[in-house]
Protein backbone atom coordinates (compact mmCIF):
# COMPACT_ATOMS: atom_id res chain seq x y z
CA ARG A 1 11.13 32.47 8.95
CA LYS A 2 9.44 29.68 6.38
CA GLY A 3 9.39 26.23 8.46
CA TYR A 4 10.93 23.48 5.61
CA LEU A 5 9.25 19.81 6.54
CA VAL A 6 11.36 16.68 7.19
CA VAL A 7 9.34 13.33 7.72
CA GLY A 8 11.03 10.71 9.34
CA GLY A 9 10.52 7.12 9.69
CA MET A 10 9.13 5.39 13.05
CA HIS A 11 11.89 3.01 15.05
CA GLU A 12 10.52 -0.62 14.50
CA ASP A 13 9.69 -1.13 18.03
CA ASP A 14 6.52 1.49 17.50
CA GLY A 15 5.16 -0.81 15.07
CA HIS A 16 3.82 1.29 11.70
CA GLY A 17 4.82 -0.87 8.39
CA PHE A 18 5.20 -0.03 5.91
CA ILE A 19 2.27 1.20 4.23
CA SER A 20 1.41 3.56 7.87
CA GLU A 21 4.48 5.40 6.34
CA PHE A 22 4.18 5.76 2.54
CA THR A 23 0.12 6.88 3.67
CA PHE A 24 2.13 9.42 5.99
CA VAL A 25 3.70 10.69 3.57
CA LEU A 26 1.39 11.82 1.85
CA GLU A 27 -0.80 13.37 4.17
CA VAL A 28 2.51 15.49 4.52
CA LEU A 29 2.69 16.02 1.33
CA GLN A 30 -1.27 17.08 1.41
CA HIS A 31 -0.58 19.50 4.09
CA PHE A 32 2.33 20.83 2.63
CA GLU A 33 0.21 21.88 -0.68
CA ALA A 34 -2.40 23.40 1.00
CA TYR A 35 0.06 25.46 3.18
CA ALA A 36 2.34 26.26 0.57
CA SER A 37 2.80 30.07 1.37
CA VAL A 38 4.62 28.66 4.76
CA TYR A 39 6.92 26.24 4.00
CA ALA A 40 10.08 26.44 2.37
CA GLY A 41 10.41 23.09 1.36
CA LEU A 42 9.93 19.38 2.16
CA CYS A 43 11.97 16.44 2.14
CA VAL A 44 11.59 12.53 3.10
CA ASP A 45 14.57 11.13 5.31
CA PHE A 46 14.40 7.45 6.93
CA SER A 47 17.77 7.22 7.54
CA GLY A 48 18.36 4.76 10.08
CA GLN A 49 15.92 2.93 11.59
CA GLY A 50 11.88 1.24 10.98
CA TYR A 51 11.62 -2.10 10.22
CA TYR A 52 12.69 -2.28 6.59
CA PHE A 53 15.93 -0.26 7.67
CA ASP A 54 18.91 -2.80 6.10
CA ARG A 55 22.24 -0.46 6.60
CA ARG A 56 23.35 -2.81 3.19
CA ALA A 57 20.75 -0.65 1.16
CA GLY A 58 21.33 2.12 1.77
CA GLU A 59 20.23 4.58 4.97
CA ASN A 60 17.50 5.90 3.97
CA TRP A 61 14.73 3.16 3.60
CA TRP A 62 12.29 5.61 1.29
CA GLU A 63 15.02 5.34 -1.14
CA TYR A 64 15.48 1.54 -1.41
CA TYR A 65 11.70 1.33 -3.47
CA PHE A 66 11.43 5.67 -4.22
CA GLU A 67 13.45 8.56 -5.56
CA PRO A 68 14.41 10.88 -2.73
CA LEU A 69 11.47 13.35 -1.91
CA VAL A 70 13.11 16.79 -1.64
CA ILE A 71 11.03 19.84 -2.87
CA GLY A 72 12.77 23.24 -2.16
CA ASP A 73 15.45 24.53 0.46
CA PRO A 74 15.81 23.93 3.39
CA GLN A 75 18.77 26.67 3.51
CA GLY A 76 17.11 29.73 6.42
CA ALA A 77 14.02 27.69 7.04
CA ALA A 78 13.03 26.26 10.62
CA THR A 79 13.23 22.67 10.62
CA ILE A 80 10.26 20.80 12.00
CA ARG A 81 10.72 17.12 12.18
CA LEU A 82 7.59 15.12 12.50
CA ASP A 83 7.38 10.79 12.16
CA ASN A 84 4.13 9.63 12.96
CA GLY A 85 4.83 9.54 16.34
CA ASN A 86 4.95 13.14 15.89
CA ASN A 87 2.13 13.70 13.79
CA PRO A 88 -0.39 16.51 14.99
CA PHE A 89 -2.14 17.57 11.30
CA PHE A 90 -3.26 14.29 10.42
CA ALA A 91 -4.80 10.94 11.08
CA PHE A 92 -4.94 8.69 7.30
CA TYR A 93 -8.11 6.53 6.86
CA CYS A 94 -9.16 3.73 4.94
CA GLY A 95 -12.20 2.25 3.20
CA THR A 96 -14.70 2.81 0.67
CA ASP A 97 -14.64 6.50 1.57
CA PRO A 98 -11.81 9.59 0.79
CA ILE A 99 -9.16 10.06 3.23
CA ALA A 100 -9.72 12.44 5.95
CA SER A 101 -7.57 14.39 7.84
CA GLN A 102 -8.63 15.97 11.40
CA ASP A 103 -7.55 19.47 9.50
CA ASN A 104 -11.22 18.54 7.58
CA THR A 105 -9.70 18.12 4.60
CA ALA A 106 -11.02 15.17 2.66
CA LEU A 107 -9.47 14.33 -1.15
CA SER A 108 -10.78 11.66 -3.62
CA ARG A 109 -8.95 8.56 -4.98
CA LEU A 110 -8.36 10.67 -7.86
CA ALA A 111 -6.70 13.53 -6.02
CA TRP A 112 -4.36 11.06 -3.66
CA GLY A 113 -3.57 9.55 -7.54
CA GLN A 114 -2.90 12.78 -8.79
CA LEU A 115 -0.70 13.59 -5.68
CA ILE A 116 1.48 10.70 -5.80
CA ASP A 117 1.41 11.97 -9.82
CA ARG A 118 3.02 14.76 -8.77
CA HIS A 119 5.86 13.76 -6.09
CA ILE A 120 6.25 10.09 -6.22
CA ARG A 121 8.64 8.13 -8.72
CA VAL A 122 8.70 4.39 -7.96
CA LYS A 123 13.33 3.05 -8.07
CA PRO A 124 13.42 2.06 -12.40
CA HIS A 125 14.47 -1.25 -10.89
CA ILE A 126 11.03 -1.85 -9.17
CA ARG A 127 9.76 -0.60 -12.40
CA GLY A 128 11.10 -3.50 -14.12
CA LYS A 129 10.21 -5.70 -12.04
CA ILE A 130 6.21 -4.94 -12.32
CA GLU A 131 6.89 -4.68 -16.10
CA SER A 132 8.03 -7.98 -15.96
CA PHE A 133 5.89 -9.94 -13.68
CA VAL A 134 2.66 -8.43 -15.53
CA ARG A 135 3.89 -9.34 -18.95
CA ASP A 136 5.47 -12.95 -17.84
CA SER A 137 2.23 -13.79 -15.40
CA PHE A 138 -0.58 -11.48 -15.90
CA GLU A 139 -0.01 -12.54 -20.26
CA GLY A 140 -2.60 -10.16 -21.74
CA ALA A 141 -5.29 -11.34 -19.59
CA PRO A 142 -8.09 -10.01 -17.72
CA VAL A 143 -6.76 -10.18 -14.04
CA LEU A 144 -9.21 -10.48 -10.81
CA GLY A 145 -7.05 -8.73 -7.59
CA VAL A 146 -7.01 -10.35 -4.37
CA HIS A 147 -6.32 -8.94 -1.56
CA TYR A 148 -6.10 -10.46 1.70
CA ARG A 149 -5.02 -9.22 4.99
CA GLY A 150 -4.94 -11.75 7.38
CA THR A 151 -2.42 -11.90 10.20
CA ASP A 152 -1.99 -9.44 12.88
CA LYS A 153 -4.92 -7.43 10.97
CA ILE A 154 -6.96 -9.43 13.18
CA LEU A 155 -6.36 -6.63 16.09
CA GLU A 156 -7.84 -3.67 13.83
CA ALA A 157 -10.83 -5.28 11.87
CA PRO A 158 -12.50 -7.95 12.03
CA ARG A 159 -11.43 -11.87 9.84
CA ILE A 160 -13.00 -11.50 6.68
CA PRO A 161 -13.56 -15.79 6.01
CA TYR A 162 -11.96 -17.26 3.40
CA GLU A 163 -15.45 -18.67 1.96
CA MET A 164 -16.64 -14.34 1.97
CA VAL A 165 -13.46 -14.38 -0.26
CA ALA A 166 -14.31 -16.85 -2.45
CA ALA A 167 -18.09 -16.03 -2.35
CA ALA A 168 -16.84 -12.61 -4.14
CA ILE A 169 -14.83 -14.19 -6.42
CA ARG A 170 -17.31 -15.79 -8.19
CA ASP A 171 -19.29 -13.10 -8.16
CA VAL A 172 -16.30 -11.27 -10.39
CA ALA A 173 -14.73 -13.55 -12.85
CA ALA A 174 -18.97 -14.56 -13.80
CA ARG A 175 -18.75 -11.52 -16.05
CA PHE A 176 -14.95 -13.51 -17.14
CA ALA A 177 -16.87 -16.40 -18.37
CA GLY A 178 -15.53 -17.88 -21.21
CA LEU A 179 -12.06 -15.52 -21.52
CA ARG A 180 -9.03 -17.05 -20.17
CA TRP A 181 -8.11 -14.90 -16.88
CA LYS A 182 -6.20 -14.93 -14.03
CA LEU A 183 -6.40 -14.50 -10.84
CA PHE A 184 -3.89 -12.34 -8.79
CA VAL A 185 -3.13 -12.94 -4.93
CA ALA A 186 -1.03 -10.54 -2.76
CA THR A 187 -1.63 -11.99 0.90
CA ASP A 188 0.60 -12.15 4.18
CA GLU A 189 -1.37 -14.90 4.94
CA GLN A 190 0.29 -18.21 3.60
CA GLY A 191 -3.21 -20.03 4.61
CA PHE A 192 -5.06 -18.10 1.86
CA LEU A 193 -2.99 -19.42 -0.67
CA ASP A 194 -3.42 -21.55 0.23
CA TYR A 195 -7.33 -22.20 -0.13
CA ALA A 196 -6.98 -20.14 -3.19
CA ARG A 197 -4.85 -22.46 -4.51
CA GLN A 198 -7.35 -24.92 -4.20
CA LEU A 199 -10.07 -23.31 -5.57
CA TYR A 200 -8.65 -21.66 -8.85
CA PRO A 201 -4.88 -23.99 -9.39
CA GLU A 202 -5.47 -22.92 -13.33
CA ASN A 203 -6.17 -19.27 -13.16
CA LEU A 204 -4.27 -18.49 -9.27
CA VAL A 205 -0.69 -15.71 -9.99
CA PHE A 206 1.35 -14.40 -7.14
CA GLN A 207 4.36 -13.62 -6.06
CA ASP A 208 7.10 -15.76 -4.70
CA THR A 209 8.10 -14.59 -1.27
CA VAL A 210 7.79 -14.46 2.37
CA ARG A 211 4.16 -16.01 4.39
CA SER A 212 3.17 -16.08 7.55
CA SER A 213 1.70 -18.93 9.31
CA THR A 214 2.59 -18.24 12.58
CA GLY A 215 -0.64 -14.88 12.71
CA ASP A 216 2.18 -12.38 13.15
CA GLY A 217 2.51 -10.02 10.95
CA LEU A 218 5.55 -9.73 8.69
CA HIS A 219 6.77 -6.98 9.24
CA MET A 220 7.50 -7.75 12.85
CA GLN A 221 8.93 -10.73 11.81
CA ARG A 222 11.42 -9.32 9.45
CA ALA A 223 12.42 -6.43 10.55
CA GLY A 224 15.24 -4.82 8.76
CA ASP A 225 15.40 -6.58 5.96
CA TYR A 226 14.43 -5.00 2.68
CA LEU A 227 12.84 -7.62 0.02
CA SER A 228 9.84 -7.49 3.47
CA GLY A 229 9.32 -3.62 2.14
CA GLU A 230 10.01 -4.69 -1.74
CA GLY A 231 7.42 -7.50 -1.31
CA ALA A 232 4.48 -4.89 -0.06
CA VAL A 233 5.70 -2.40 -3.05
CA LEU A 234 5.36 -5.41 -5.72
CA ASP A 235 2.10 -6.13 -4.54
CA CYS A 236 0.07 -2.66 -4.36
CA LEU A 237 1.51 -1.89 -7.94
CA LEU A 238 0.33 -5.61 -8.88
CA LEU A 239 -2.77 -4.69 -7.69
CA SER A 240 -3.41 -1.03 -9.33
CA ARG A 241 -3.06 -3.79 -12.44
CA CYS A 242 -5.71 -5.95 -12.21
CA ASP A 243 -9.38 -5.34 -14.03
CA HIS A 244 -10.90 -5.69 -10.64
CA LEU A 245 -9.67 -5.44 -7.15
CA ILE A 246 -11.40 -7.27 -4.27
CA ARG A 247 -9.65 -6.62 -0.95
CA THR A 248 -10.06 -6.03 2.34
CA GLU A 249 -9.90 -3.42 4.90
CA SER A 250 -6.15 -3.20 4.56
CA THR A 251 -4.28 0.04 3.64
CA LEU A 252 -2.25 -1.50 1.06
CA SER A 253 -4.76 -2.31 -1.30
CA PHE A 254 -6.12 0.87 -0.51
CA CYS A 255 -3.33 2.55 -1.54
CA ALA A 256 -3.56 0.80 -4.65
CA THR A 257 -6.45 2.33 -5.96
CA LEU A 258 -4.91 5.68 -5.24
CA PHE A 259 -2.50 4.06 -7.83
CA ASN A 260 -4.81 3.62 -9.95
CA PRO A 261 -8.13 5.89 -9.43
CA GLY A 262 -10.00 4.02 -12.06
CA VAL A 263 -10.04 0.37 -10.64
CA PRO A 264 -12.76 -0.98 -9.94
CA VAL A 265 -12.95 -1.95 -6.55
CA THR A 266 -14.86 -5.27 -3.93
CA VAL A 267 -14.65 -4.00 -0.35
CA LEU A 268 -15.60 -6.87 1.45
CA ARG A 269 -16.30 -6.58 5.47
CA HIS A 270 -17.45 -8.23 8.48
CA VAL A 271 -20.31 -6.43 8.58
CA ARG A 272 -21.93 -6.96 5.59
CA LYS A 273 -23.24 -10.28 3.77
CA HIS A 274 -22.15 -9.12 1.11
CA ALA A 275 -19.74 -7.28 -0.62
CA ALA A 276 -20.38 -3.24 -1.38
CA ALA A 277 -19.09 -2.23 -4.20
CA THR A 278 -17.39 0.67 -5.03
């Protein structure tokens, strides 16, 4: 019998945030397409658990933000359940290089973006919030996007000094000289937003959402909160709408480049004195 892949979410105790779960879905989709002849289909079912499960919003939290993802028919097929803890095929890497998996495949940003276009649809109410923010806050101006992943990211990668981000902003903003440009900041760290507000009070725009002042990751502080997941989706999609993206090493802002593979990107790494442009 062919297999039918059921992609599940992790329990909040296992520490997988929104973008970790999203990229797992991308990896399964890539695997499914590569080996379509052995599968009857797949579905995404993030029901009943996870940081973003909020019973008031429904059972399957994937469908809070995205349209149901169901391919094929499970009738007569052997069910194969996968999640980030039972992940025999995939390992998602973010950075300047293409995403590579353990079965030695690799896709470019463009190819991952095309995979998203084929299978993933953002819910209308999310799209509406994106369009309203772009209209009211970007106002048709050139937009420099910055994603600063702070708080618990230090457990995975060296912390990027605020001053290093400021230097990158100055370099890119010089290209907008004479224009009324905007600075869109997406960050989980309240301290960085306050820093950006001091530097560019007239240019700065951002989502009005909860941020951490304690160094703890937001997804760990706000388990069971629909709005926590919505904030991550909105930040990712808004970053994809910017004219240039400056980002620290994070899968959220990397996914923004998959929704818009053509966006110019500056990746900041602690080990380098200067930004690496891709």
